[in-house]
């Protein structure tokens, strides 16, 4: 099966990306493709959060294990398969691409379909608007770039 995810930003109102990716892909594959589509440096820290229907964070999927606690419920992107954690329409995710400034994208599964023969996945099916700027480690956040999604900021999860 192919999952289509719609990605929007709280910073750039006209920003929309729709990505089609195999259900057998990992969150690392999704991370790398989002980074590629946005022309971001994929080596920057990032995390996905599985969310409920109200965009409340439920579980974090990190780029790599930053916890010494082996009992942590956090998953790593490289081992977390999309089909194990996202398998229904309207599944919501938050993707924090600017870890230190807590800026991110809202992602929602909008379609599940059969793969089309001859099409190479992942692919960017829709690309509208300007991509929010990625800050590099050490760069200061400015007022010109408001925090994306303050409404989902949760200090307990960071």
N, C-alpha and C. Protein backbone atom coordinates (compact mmCIF):
# COMPACT_ATOMS: atom_id res chain seq x y z
N UNK A 1 0.84 -1.19 0.00
CA UNK A 1 0.00 0.00 0.00
C UNK A 1 0.89 1.25 0.00
N UNK A 2 0.32 2.32 -0.52
CA UNK A 2 0.99 3.61 -0.56
C UNK A 2 0.22 4.57 0.33
N UNK A 3 0.96 5.25 1.20
CA UNK A 3 0.36 6.25 2.07
C UNK A 3 0.64 7.62 1.49
N UNK A 4 -0.38 8.48 1.46
CA UNK A 4 -0.20 9.87 1.06
C UNK A 4 -0.36 10.72 2.31
N UNK A 5 0.71 11.47 2.61
CA UNK A 5 0.71 12.38 3.76
C UNK A 5 0.69 13.81 3.27
N UNK A 6 -0.18 14.65 3.86
CA UNK A 6 -0.20 16.08 3.59
C UNK A 6 0.57 16.76 4.71
N UNK A 7 1.48 17.64 4.32
CA UNK A 7 2.34 18.36 5.27
C UNK A 7 2.02 19.84 5.17
N UNK A 8 1.74 20.46 6.31
CA UNK A 8 1.49 21.90 6.34
C UNK A 8 2.36 22.53 7.43
N UNK A 9 2.47 23.84 7.38
CA UNK A 9 3.31 24.58 8.31
C UNK A 9 2.48 25.62 9.04
N UNK A 10 2.82 25.86 10.29
CA UNK A 10 2.20 26.95 11.03
C UNK A 10 2.82 28.28 10.73
N UNK A 11 3.95 28.28 10.00
CA UNK A 11 4.67 29.51 9.67
C UNK A 11 4.31 30.07 8.30
N UNK A 12 4.28 29.20 7.32
CA UNK A 12 4.02 29.59 5.94
C UNK A 12 2.63 29.10 5.56
N UNK A 13 1.67 30.03 5.50
CA UNK A 13 0.28 29.66 5.26
C UNK A 13 0.06 28.93 3.95
N UNK A 14 0.86 29.25 2.93
CA UNK A 14 0.64 28.64 1.62
C UNK A 14 1.47 27.37 1.41
N UNK A 15 2.23 26.95 2.42
CA UNK A 15 3.09 25.77 2.30
C UNK A 15 2.28 24.48 2.41
N UNK A 16 2.32 23.68 1.35
CA UNK A 16 1.71 22.35 1.36
C UNK A 16 2.63 21.42 0.57
N UNK A 17 2.90 20.29 1.15
CA UNK A 17 3.59 19.22 0.44
C UNK A 17 2.77 17.95 0.65
N UNK A 18 2.61 17.18 -0.40
CA UNK A 18 1.97 15.87 -0.27
C UNK A 18 2.98 14.84 -0.73
N UNK A 19 3.24 13.91 0.15
CA UNK A 19 4.24 12.87 -0.11
C UNK A 19 3.55 11.53 -0.17
N UNK A 20 3.88 10.76 -1.19
CA UNK A 20 3.40 9.39 -1.31
C UNK A 20 4.59 8.47 -1.03
N UNK A 21 4.38 7.51 -0.12
CA UNK A 21 5.47 6.65 0.33
C UNK A 21 4.92 5.27 0.68
N UNK A 22 5.72 4.27 0.51
CA UNK A 22 5.29 2.90 0.79
C UNK A 22 5.04 2.68 2.28
N UNK A 23 4.04 1.88 2.57
CA UNK A 23 3.76 1.53 3.96
C UNK A 23 4.93 0.77 4.58
N UNK A 24 5.79 0.17 3.76
CA UNK A 24 6.94 -0.59 4.24
C UNK A 24 8.16 0.28 4.54
N UNK A 25 8.05 1.57 4.27
CA UNK A 25 9.15 2.49 4.57
C UNK A 25 9.24 2.72 6.07
N UNK A 26 10.40 3.18 6.50
CA UNK A 26 10.58 3.54 7.91
C UNK A 26 10.35 5.04 8.08
N UNK A 27 10.26 5.45 9.33
CA UNK A 27 10.16 6.88 9.61
C UNK A 27 11.46 7.58 9.20
N UNK A 28 12.59 6.87 9.19
CA UNK A 28 13.83 7.45 8.70
C UNK A 28 13.71 7.75 7.21
N UNK A 29 13.10 6.85 6.45
CA UNK A 29 12.87 7.11 5.02
C UNK A 29 12.01 8.35 4.83
N UNK A 30 10.95 8.46 5.62
CA UNK A 30 10.06 9.62 5.54
C UNK A 30 10.81 10.89 5.91
N UNK A 31 11.57 10.84 7.00
CA UNK A 31 12.38 11.98 7.44
C UNK A 31 13.32 12.43 6.33
N UNK A 32 14.07 11.50 5.75
CA UNK A 32 15.03 11.85 4.71
C UNK A 32 14.35 12.44 3.48
N UNK A 33 13.16 11.92 3.14
CA UNK A 33 12.47 12.45 1.97
C UNK A 33 11.90 13.84 2.25
N UNK A 34 11.36 14.07 3.43
CA UNK A 34 10.87 15.41 3.79
C UNK A 34 12.04 16.39 3.74
N UNK A 35 13.17 15.99 4.29
CA UNK A 35 14.35 16.85 4.26
C UNK A 35 14.77 17.17 2.83
N UNK A 36 14.73 16.17 1.96
CA UNK A 36 15.10 16.35 0.56
C UNK A 36 14.12 17.29 -0.15
N UNK A 37 12.83 17.06 0.04
CA UNK A 37 11.80 17.87 -0.61
C UNK A 37 11.89 19.34 -0.16
N UNK A 38 12.29 19.55 1.09
CA UNK A 38 12.38 20.91 1.64
C UNK A 38 13.77 21.53 1.49
N UNK A 39 14.71 20.78 0.90
CA UNK A 39 16.10 21.23 0.78
C UNK A 39 16.72 21.55 2.13
N UNK A 40 16.44 20.70 3.11
CA UNK A 40 16.99 20.85 4.45
C UNK A 40 18.22 19.96 4.60
N UNK A 41 19.01 20.28 5.61
CA UNK A 41 20.15 19.46 5.98
C UNK A 41 19.62 18.31 6.84
N UNK A 42 19.66 17.10 6.31
CA UNK A 42 19.09 15.94 6.99
C UNK A 42 19.88 15.50 8.21
N UNK A 43 21.01 16.13 8.48
CA UNK A 43 21.82 15.75 9.64
C UNK A 43 21.39 16.50 10.90
N UNK A 44 20.48 17.45 10.76
CA UNK A 44 19.98 18.17 11.93
C UNK A 44 19.04 17.26 12.74
N UNK A 45 18.99 17.47 14.04
CA UNK A 45 18.09 16.69 14.88
C UNK A 45 16.65 16.89 14.47
N UNK A 46 15.88 15.82 14.54
CA UNK A 46 14.46 15.88 14.19
C UNK A 46 13.74 14.75 14.91
N UNK A 47 12.44 14.92 15.09
CA UNK A 47 11.61 13.88 15.69
C UNK A 47 10.22 13.92 15.09
N UNK A 48 9.60 12.76 15.04
CA UNK A 48 8.18 12.66 14.75
C UNK A 48 7.46 12.42 16.07
N UNK A 49 6.23 12.91 16.15
CA UNK A 49 5.37 12.59 17.29
C UNK A 49 4.07 12.02 16.74
N UNK A 50 3.70 10.84 17.19
CA UNK A 50 2.39 10.30 16.89
C UNK A 50 1.40 11.09 17.72
N UNK A 51 0.30 11.52 17.12
CA UNK A 51 -0.64 12.40 17.81
C UNK A 51 -2.05 11.81 17.81
N UNK A 52 -2.86 12.30 18.73
CA UNK A 52 -4.27 11.94 18.72
C UNK A 52 -5.00 12.86 17.75
N UNK A 53 -6.32 12.75 17.68
CA UNK A 53 -7.10 13.54 16.73
C UNK A 53 -7.07 15.04 17.01
N UNK A 54 -6.61 15.44 18.21
CA UNK A 54 -6.52 16.86 18.57
C UNK A 54 -5.09 17.39 18.52
N UNK A 55 -4.21 16.66 17.84
CA UNK A 55 -2.80 17.00 17.69
C UNK A 55 -2.04 16.95 19.01
N UNK A 56 -2.55 16.24 19.99
CA UNK A 56 -1.82 16.05 21.24
C UNK A 56 -0.78 14.97 21.04
N UNK A 57 0.46 15.24 21.42
CA UNK A 57 1.54 14.27 21.26
C UNK A 57 1.31 13.05 22.14
N UNK A 58 1.52 11.88 21.55
CA UNK A 58 1.36 10.64 22.30
C UNK A 58 2.68 9.86 22.42
N UNK A 59 3.44 9.77 21.34
CA UNK A 59 4.67 8.99 21.37
C UNK A 59 5.68 9.61 20.42
N UNK A 60 6.93 9.66 20.85
CA UNK A 60 7.99 10.25 20.04
C UNK A 60 8.76 9.18 19.28
N UNK A 61 9.13 9.54 18.05
CA UNK A 61 10.00 8.70 17.22
C UNK A 61 11.20 9.57 16.88
N UNK A 62 12.35 9.23 17.45
CA UNK A 62 13.54 10.07 17.34
C UNK A 62 14.46 9.63 16.21
N UNK A 63 15.32 10.54 15.80
CA UNK A 63 16.30 10.24 14.76
C UNK A 63 17.27 9.17 15.24
N UNK A 64 17.68 9.27 16.47
CA UNK A 64 18.51 8.24 17.10
C UNK A 64 18.26 8.29 18.59
N UNK A 65 18.64 7.22 19.27
CA UNK A 65 18.37 7.08 20.70
C UNK A 65 19.23 8.07 21.49
N UNK A 66 18.56 8.99 22.17
CA UNK A 66 19.26 9.97 22.99
C UNK A 66 19.04 9.69 24.47
N UNK A 67 18.38 8.61 24.78
CA UNK A 67 18.06 8.24 26.16
C UNK A 67 18.94 7.08 26.61
N UNK A 68 19.41 7.15 27.84
CA UNK A 68 20.14 6.02 28.40
C UNK A 68 19.18 4.99 28.97
N UNK A 69 17.95 5.39 29.19
CA UNK A 69 16.94 4.52 29.77
C UNK A 69 16.43 3.54 28.73
N UNK A 70 16.74 2.27 28.88
CA UNK A 70 16.30 1.26 27.93
C UNK A 70 14.80 1.03 27.98
N UNK A 71 14.14 1.47 29.04
CA UNK A 71 12.69 1.29 29.18
C UNK A 71 11.89 2.45 28.59
N UNK A 72 12.58 3.39 27.95
CA UNK A 72 11.90 4.53 27.34
C UNK A 72 10.94 4.04 26.27
N UNK A 73 9.79 4.73 26.13
CA UNK A 73 8.82 4.34 25.11
C UNK A 73 9.09 5.04 23.77
N UNK A 74 10.21 5.76 23.68
CA UNK A 74 10.56 6.42 22.42
C UNK A 74 11.09 5.38 21.44
N UNK A 75 10.76 5.59 20.18
CA UNK A 75 11.20 4.71 19.11
C UNK A 75 12.27 5.43 18.29
N UNK A 76 13.05 4.66 17.54
CA UNK A 76 14.02 5.24 16.62
C UNK A 76 13.48 5.16 15.19
N UNK A 77 13.72 6.22 14.42
CA UNK A 77 13.20 6.29 13.06
C UNK A 77 13.64 5.11 12.20
N UNK A 78 14.88 4.68 12.35
CA UNK A 78 15.42 3.63 11.48
C UNK A 78 14.71 2.30 11.67
N UNK A 79 14.17 2.04 12.84
CA UNK A 79 13.52 0.76 13.10
C UNK A 79 11.99 0.85 13.16
N UNK A 80 11.45 2.05 13.13
CA UNK A 80 9.99 2.22 13.21
C UNK A 80 9.40 2.26 11.80
N UNK A 81 8.65 1.22 11.46
CA UNK A 81 8.02 1.13 10.14
C UNK A 81 6.73 1.97 10.13
N UNK A 82 6.47 2.61 9.00
CA UNK A 82 5.24 3.41 8.88
C UNK A 82 4.01 2.55 9.14
N UNK A 83 3.95 1.35 8.54
CA UNK A 83 2.75 0.52 8.66
C UNK A 83 2.49 0.05 10.09
N UNK A 84 3.49 0.08 10.95
CA UNK A 84 3.31 -0.33 12.34
C UNK A 84 2.71 0.79 13.20
N UNK A 85 2.82 2.03 12.74
CA UNK A 85 2.40 3.16 13.58
C UNK A 85 1.42 4.11 12.91
N UNK A 86 1.28 3.98 11.60
CA UNK A 86 0.32 4.82 10.86
C UNK A 86 -0.40 3.90 9.88
N UNK A 87 -1.66 3.67 10.10
CA UNK A 87 -2.38 2.74 9.24
C UNK A 87 -3.83 3.13 9.01
N UNK A 88 -4.17 4.36 9.36
CA UNK A 88 -5.55 4.78 9.13
C UNK A 88 -5.59 6.22 8.64
N UNK A 89 -6.61 6.51 7.84
CA UNK A 89 -6.80 7.87 7.36
C UNK A 89 -6.95 8.83 8.53
N UNK A 90 -6.48 10.03 8.31
CA UNK A 90 -6.51 11.12 9.30
C UNK A 90 -5.54 10.92 10.45
N UNK A 91 -4.65 9.89 10.36
CA UNK A 91 -3.59 9.74 11.35
C UNK A 91 -2.78 11.03 11.36
N UNK A 92 -2.52 11.56 12.54
CA UNK A 92 -1.83 12.83 12.67
C UNK A 92 -0.43 12.64 13.27
N UNK A 93 0.51 13.40 12.71
CA UNK A 93 1.89 13.40 13.19
C UNK A 93 2.36 14.84 13.29
N UNK A 94 3.25 15.08 14.18
CA UNK A 94 3.99 16.34 14.20
C UNK A 94 5.43 15.97 13.91
N UNK A 95 6.03 16.70 12.99
CA UNK A 95 7.43 16.47 12.62
C UNK A 95 8.21 17.71 13.02
N UNK A 96 9.04 17.58 14.04
CA UNK A 96 9.86 18.69 14.50
C UNK A 96 11.16 18.65 13.71
N UNK A 97 11.33 19.60 12.79
CA UNK A 97 12.52 19.63 11.94
C UNK A 97 13.58 20.57 12.48
N UNK A 98 13.21 21.45 13.38
CA UNK A 98 14.14 22.41 13.99
C UNK A 98 14.05 22.19 15.49
N UNK A 99 14.79 21.21 15.94
CA UNK A 99 14.66 20.67 17.29
C UNK A 99 14.86 21.72 18.38
N UNK A 100 15.87 22.57 18.22
CA UNK A 100 16.19 23.51 19.29
C UNK A 100 15.24 24.70 19.36
N UNK A 101 14.61 25.04 18.25
CA UNK A 101 13.61 26.12 18.25
C UNK A 101 12.19 25.58 18.28
N UNK A 102 12.05 24.27 18.35
CA UNK A 102 10.75 23.60 18.42
C UNK A 102 9.82 24.02 17.27
N UNK A 103 10.36 24.04 16.07
CA UNK A 103 9.58 24.36 14.89
C UNK A 103 9.31 23.08 14.14
N UNK A 104 8.13 22.99 13.54
CA UNK A 104 7.82 21.75 12.86
C UNK A 104 6.67 21.86 11.88
N UNK A 105 6.32 20.70 11.37
CA UNK A 105 5.22 20.56 10.43
C UNK A 105 4.12 19.71 11.03
N UNK A 106 2.91 19.95 10.57
CA UNK A 106 1.77 19.10 10.88
C UNK A 106 1.59 18.16 9.70
N UNK A 107 1.49 16.87 9.96
CA UNK A 107 1.38 15.87 8.91
C UNK A 107 0.13 15.04 9.16
N UNK A 108 -0.64 14.81 8.11
CA UNK A 108 -1.85 14.00 8.23
C UNK A 108 -1.93 13.03 7.05
N UNK A 109 -2.29 11.78 7.34
CA UNK A 109 -2.49 10.81 6.27
C UNK A 109 -3.82 11.12 5.60
N UNK A 110 -3.77 11.35 4.30
CA UNK A 110 -4.97 11.75 3.58
C UNK A 110 -5.46 10.71 2.59
N UNK A 111 -4.62 9.69 2.31
CA UNK A 111 -5.05 8.67 1.36
C UNK A 111 -4.21 7.41 1.54
N UNK A 112 -4.87 6.28 1.33
CA UNK A 112 -4.20 4.98 1.28
C UNK A 112 -4.63 4.34 -0.03
N UNK A 113 -3.65 3.96 -0.85
CA UNK A 113 -3.98 3.43 -2.17
C UNK A 113 -2.99 2.33 -2.56
N UNK A 114 -3.29 1.68 -3.66
CA UNK A 114 -2.39 0.68 -4.23
C UNK A 114 -1.25 1.41 -4.95
N UNK A 115 -0.09 0.80 -4.95
CA UNK A 115 1.04 1.34 -5.72
C UNK A 115 0.70 1.28 -7.21
N UNK A 116 1.17 2.26 -7.93
CA UNK A 116 0.97 2.29 -9.38
C UNK A 116 2.23 1.75 -10.04
N UNK A 117 2.06 0.76 -10.87
CA UNK A 117 3.18 0.15 -11.59
C UNK A 117 3.93 1.22 -12.38
N UNK A 118 5.24 1.19 -12.26
CA UNK A 118 6.07 2.14 -13.00
C UNK A 118 6.38 3.42 -12.24
N UNK A 119 5.73 3.63 -11.11
CA UNK A 119 5.99 4.83 -10.30
C UNK A 119 7.01 4.46 -9.22
N UNK A 120 7.99 5.32 -9.03
CA UNK A 120 9.01 5.12 -8.01
C UNK A 120 8.63 5.92 -6.76
N UNK A 121 8.55 5.25 -5.65
CA UNK A 121 8.20 5.88 -4.37
C UNK A 121 9.43 5.93 -3.48
N UNK A 122 9.56 6.93 -2.61
CA UNK A 122 8.59 8.00 -2.35
C UNK A 122 8.62 9.06 -3.45
N UNK A 123 7.53 9.80 -3.48
CA UNK A 123 7.46 10.91 -4.43
C UNK A 123 6.69 12.06 -3.80
N UNK A 124 7.00 13.24 -4.30
CA UNK A 124 6.30 14.44 -3.85
C UNK A 124 5.21 14.71 -4.87
N UNK A 125 3.96 14.45 -4.50
CA UNK A 125 2.83 14.58 -5.41
C UNK A 125 2.35 16.02 -5.53
N UNK A 126 2.54 16.82 -4.48
CA UNK A 126 2.11 18.21 -4.48
C UNK A 126 3.16 19.05 -3.79
N UNK A 127 3.50 20.18 -4.39
CA UNK A 127 4.46 21.11 -3.80
C UNK A 127 3.98 22.53 -4.06
N UNK A 128 3.43 23.15 -3.01
CA UNK A 128 2.88 24.50 -3.12
C UNK A 128 3.51 25.37 -2.03
N UNK A 129 3.86 26.57 -2.38
CA UNK A 129 4.31 27.56 -1.40
C UNK A 129 5.77 27.46 -1.02
N UNK A 130 6.17 28.42 -0.20
CA UNK A 130 7.55 28.53 0.26
C UNK A 130 7.80 27.62 1.46
N UNK A 131 8.95 27.00 1.47
CA UNK A 131 9.36 26.15 2.58
C UNK A 131 9.88 27.02 3.72
N UNK A 132 9.43 26.77 4.96
CA UNK A 132 10.00 27.52 6.08
C UNK A 132 11.52 27.30 6.16
N UNK A 133 12.22 28.34 6.53
CA UNK A 133 13.68 28.27 6.62
C UNK A 133 14.10 27.31 7.74
N UNK A 134 15.10 26.50 7.47
CA UNK A 134 15.68 25.64 8.49
C UNK A 134 16.83 26.40 9.13
N UNK A 135 16.86 26.44 10.43
CA UNK A 135 17.98 27.05 11.13
C UNK A 135 19.03 26.00 11.38
N UNK A 136 20.28 26.37 11.23
CA UNK A 136 21.37 25.45 11.49
C UNK A 136 21.75 25.56 12.97
N UNK A 137 22.37 24.54 13.50
CA UNK A 137 22.79 24.55 14.91
C UNK A 137 23.62 25.80 15.15
N UNK A 138 23.27 26.53 16.19
CA UNK A 138 23.98 27.75 16.54
C UNK A 138 23.32 29.01 16.02
N UNK A 139 22.44 28.89 15.03
CA UNK A 139 21.74 30.07 14.52
C UNK A 139 20.64 30.45 15.49
N UNK A 140 20.43 31.74 15.62
CA UNK A 140 19.42 32.25 16.52
C UNK A 140 18.07 32.32 15.81
N UNK A 141 17.03 32.00 16.53
CA UNK A 141 15.67 32.16 16.05
C UNK A 141 15.34 33.64 16.09
N UNK A 142 14.70 34.18 15.03
CA UNK A 142 14.35 35.59 15.00
C UNK A 142 12.85 35.76 14.95
N UNK A 143 12.40 36.95 15.25
CA UNK A 143 10.98 37.26 15.21
C UNK A 143 10.42 37.15 13.80
N UNK A 144 11.31 37.25 12.79
CA UNK A 144 10.85 37.11 11.41
C UNK A 144 10.37 35.70 11.11
N UNK A 145 10.78 34.75 11.95
CA UNK A 145 10.39 33.35 11.78
C UNK A 145 9.66 32.89 13.03
N UNK A 146 8.36 33.13 13.11
CA UNK A 146 7.63 32.74 14.33
C UNK A 146 7.65 31.23 14.52
N UNK A 147 7.59 30.82 15.77
CA UNK A 147 7.55 29.38 16.07
C UNK A 147 6.34 28.75 15.42
N UNK A 148 6.56 27.61 14.81
CA UNK A 148 5.46 26.88 14.18
C UNK A 148 4.71 26.12 15.25
N UNK A 149 3.41 26.29 15.27
CA UNK A 149 2.58 25.44 16.11
C UNK A 149 2.78 25.60 17.59
N UNK A 150 2.82 26.82 18.11
CA UNK A 150 2.93 26.98 19.56
C UNK A 150 1.84 26.23 20.29
N UNK A 151 0.73 26.00 19.61
CA UNK A 151 -0.39 25.33 20.25
C UNK A 151 -0.09 23.88 20.59
N UNK A 152 0.96 23.29 19.98
CA UNK A 152 1.28 21.90 20.30
C UNK A 152 2.54 21.78 21.12
N UNK A 153 3.12 22.90 21.51
CA UNK A 153 4.33 22.88 22.31
C UNK A 153 4.02 22.29 23.68
N UNK A 154 4.84 21.34 24.10
CA UNK A 154 4.63 20.65 25.36
C UNK A 154 5.98 20.37 25.98
N UNK A 155 6.33 21.14 27.02
CA UNK A 155 7.65 21.01 27.64
C UNK A 155 7.91 19.63 28.21
N UNK A 156 6.89 18.90 28.59
CA UNK A 156 7.08 17.57 29.17
C UNK A 156 7.61 16.58 28.16
N UNK A 157 7.31 16.80 26.87
CA UNK A 157 7.73 15.86 25.84
C UNK A 157 9.08 16.19 25.24
N UNK A 158 9.62 17.34 25.54
CA UNK A 158 10.89 17.75 24.92
C UNK A 158 12.04 17.47 25.82
